[in-house]
Amino acid sequence: MGMGLMETIMAWFMSKRRFNKIRLDIYGLEYFQKLEEEGQGIILCGGHFSCLEVIGRKMALHMKFNLVYQKHKNPLFEHIMSRSRNRYVNQSIGRTNLKAIVRG
């Protein structure tokens, strides 16, 4: 849990210059980029046991994407989380907003 917390802090608050120094190999990125160029939608699912925040921010360097999330009950944490994520994603979509998810 501690490692996940540190990775989230890095993804949300680290400067672009420092964050871009983190090495993360993304295999198969060309398939995502080809589908994006063709106007095709992509659904990419990830488990909460991985460093999703770091992966998401790294992926945003290569392509635009939306993320689906569950709104947090604490308004302060929700504000911090949304503001941080919206710096690198195209759009944050609440998990109950099915129309927006399908529209993408």
Protein backbone atom coordinates (compact mmCIF):
# COMPACT_ATOMS: atom_id res chain seq x y z
CA MET A 1 0.00 0.00 0.00
CA GLY A 2 2.87 2.33 0.79
CA MET A 3 4.38 1.80 -2.65
CA GLY A 4 1.01 2.52 -4.30
CA LEU A 5 0.68 5.73 -2.28
CA MET A 6 4.14 6.89 -3.34
CA GLU A 7 3.42 6.10 -7.00
CA THR A 8 0.16 8.06 -6.83
CA ILE A 9 1.94 11.05 -5.28
CA MET A 10 4.59 10.86 -8.02
CA ALA A 11 1.96 10.72 -10.79
CA TRP A 12 -0.12 13.56 -9.38
CA PHE A 13 2.48 16.01 -8.12
CA MET A 14 5.87 15.37 -9.76
CA SER A 15 7.02 17.96 -12.30
CA LYS A 16 6.96 17.00 -15.99
CA ARG A 17 10.74 17.18 -16.19
CA ARG A 18 11.27 14.77 -13.29
CA PHE A 19 8.38 12.49 -14.20
CA ASN A 20 9.62 12.06 -17.78
CA LYS A 21 12.90 10.67 -16.40
CA ILE A 22 11.04 7.65 -14.99
CA ARG A 23 11.67 4.70 -17.28
CA LEU A 24 8.57 2.76 -18.19
CA ASP A 25 8.50 0.46 -21.21
CA ILE A 26 5.15 0.31 -22.97
CA TYR A 27 4.88 -2.67 -25.31
CA GLY A 28 2.29 -2.62 -28.09
CA LEU A 29 1.77 1.14 -28.04
CA GLU A 30 1.74 1.15 -31.85
CA TYR A 31 -1.52 -0.86 -31.83
CA PHE A 32 -3.21 1.77 -29.64
CA GLN A 33 -1.90 4.59 -31.82
CA LYS A 34 -3.09 2.88 -35.02
CA LEU A 35 -6.59 2.40 -33.62
CA GLU A 36 -6.63 6.01 -32.41
CA GLU A 37 -5.63 7.24 -35.91
CA GLU A 38 -8.46 5.15 -37.41
CA GLY A 39 -10.95 6.71 -34.98
CA GLN A 40 -11.57 3.43 -33.21
CA GLY A 41 -12.39 3.33 -29.51
CA ILE A 42 -10.25 1.35 -27.10
CA ILE A 43 -11.18 0.04 -23.67
CA LEU A 44 -8.15 -0.61 -21.52
CA CYS A 45 -8.79 -2.17 -18.13
CA GLY A 46 -6.31 -2.26 -15.27
CA GLY A 47 -6.40 -3.72 -11.81
CA HIS A 48 -5.99 -1.74 -8.63
CA PHE A 49 -2.97 -3.85 -7.74
CA SER A 50 -0.82 -2.10 -10.33
CA CYS A 51 0.57 1.41 -10.58
CA LEU A 52 -2.33 2.75 -12.65
CA GLU A 53 -1.65 6.40 -11.92
CA VAL A 54 1.94 6.23 -13.19
CA ILE A 55 0.92 4.14 -16.22
CA GLY A 56 -1.91 6.55 -17.01
CA ARG A 57 0.31 9.59 -16.88
CA LYS A 58 2.95 7.86 -19.04
CA MET A 59 0.33 6.74 -21.58
CA ALA A 60 -0.94 10.33 -21.78
CA LEU A 61 2.45 11.31 -23.22
CA HIS A 62 1.64 9.18 -26.27
CA MET A 63 -2.13 9.38 -26.73
CA LYS A 64 -5.29 11.12 -25.55
CA PHE A 65 -7.62 9.13 -23.36
CA ASN A 66 -10.48 9.34 -20.90
CA LEU A 67 -10.56 7.58 -17.60
CA VAL A 68 -13.50 6.14 -15.70
CA TYR A 69 -13.43 6.51 -11.93
CA GLN A 70 -15.57 6.40 -8.84
CA LYS A 71 -16.16 9.78 -7.25
CA HIS A 72 -14.66 10.01 -3.76
CA LYS A 73 -16.93 10.80 -0.82
CA ASN A 74 -14.52 13.31 0.69
CA PRO A 75 -14.92 16.58 -1.29
CA LEU A 76 -11.35 17.74 -0.62
CA PHE A 77 -9.81 14.47 -1.78
CA GLU A 78 -12.16 14.42 -4.80
CA HIS A 79 -10.97 17.92 -5.75
CA ILE A 80 -7.28 16.99 -5.42
CA MET A 81 -7.74 13.71 -7.31
CA SER A 82 -9.74 15.28 -10.15
CA ARG A 83 -7.44 18.28 -10.53
CA SER A 84 -4.35 16.07 -10.56
CA ARG A 85 -5.69 13.56 -13.07
CA ASN A 86 -7.24 16.17 -15.35
CA ARG A 87 -3.79 17.62 -15.93
CA TYR A 88 -2.94 14.63 -18.12
CA VAL A 89 -6.17 12.92 -19.22
CA ASN A 90 -8.61 14.16 -21.82
CA GLN A 91 -11.64 13.68 -19.55
CA SER A 92 -12.49 12.04 -16.22
CA ILE A 93 -15.83 10.24 -16.40
CA GLY A 94 -17.81 9.11 -13.37
CA ARG A 95 -18.43 5.36 -13.42
CA THR A 96 -22.21 5.82 -13.45
CA ASN A 97 -22.18 8.10 -16.53
CA LEU A 98 -22.68 5.34 -19.11
CA LYS A 99 -23.53 7.72 -21.97
CA ALA A 100 -20.21 9.54 -21.61
CA ILE A 101 -18.32 6.25 -21.31
CA VAL A 102 -19.82 4.89 -24.54
CA ARG A 103 -19.41 8.22 -26.36
CA GLY A 104 -15.80 8.38 -25.17
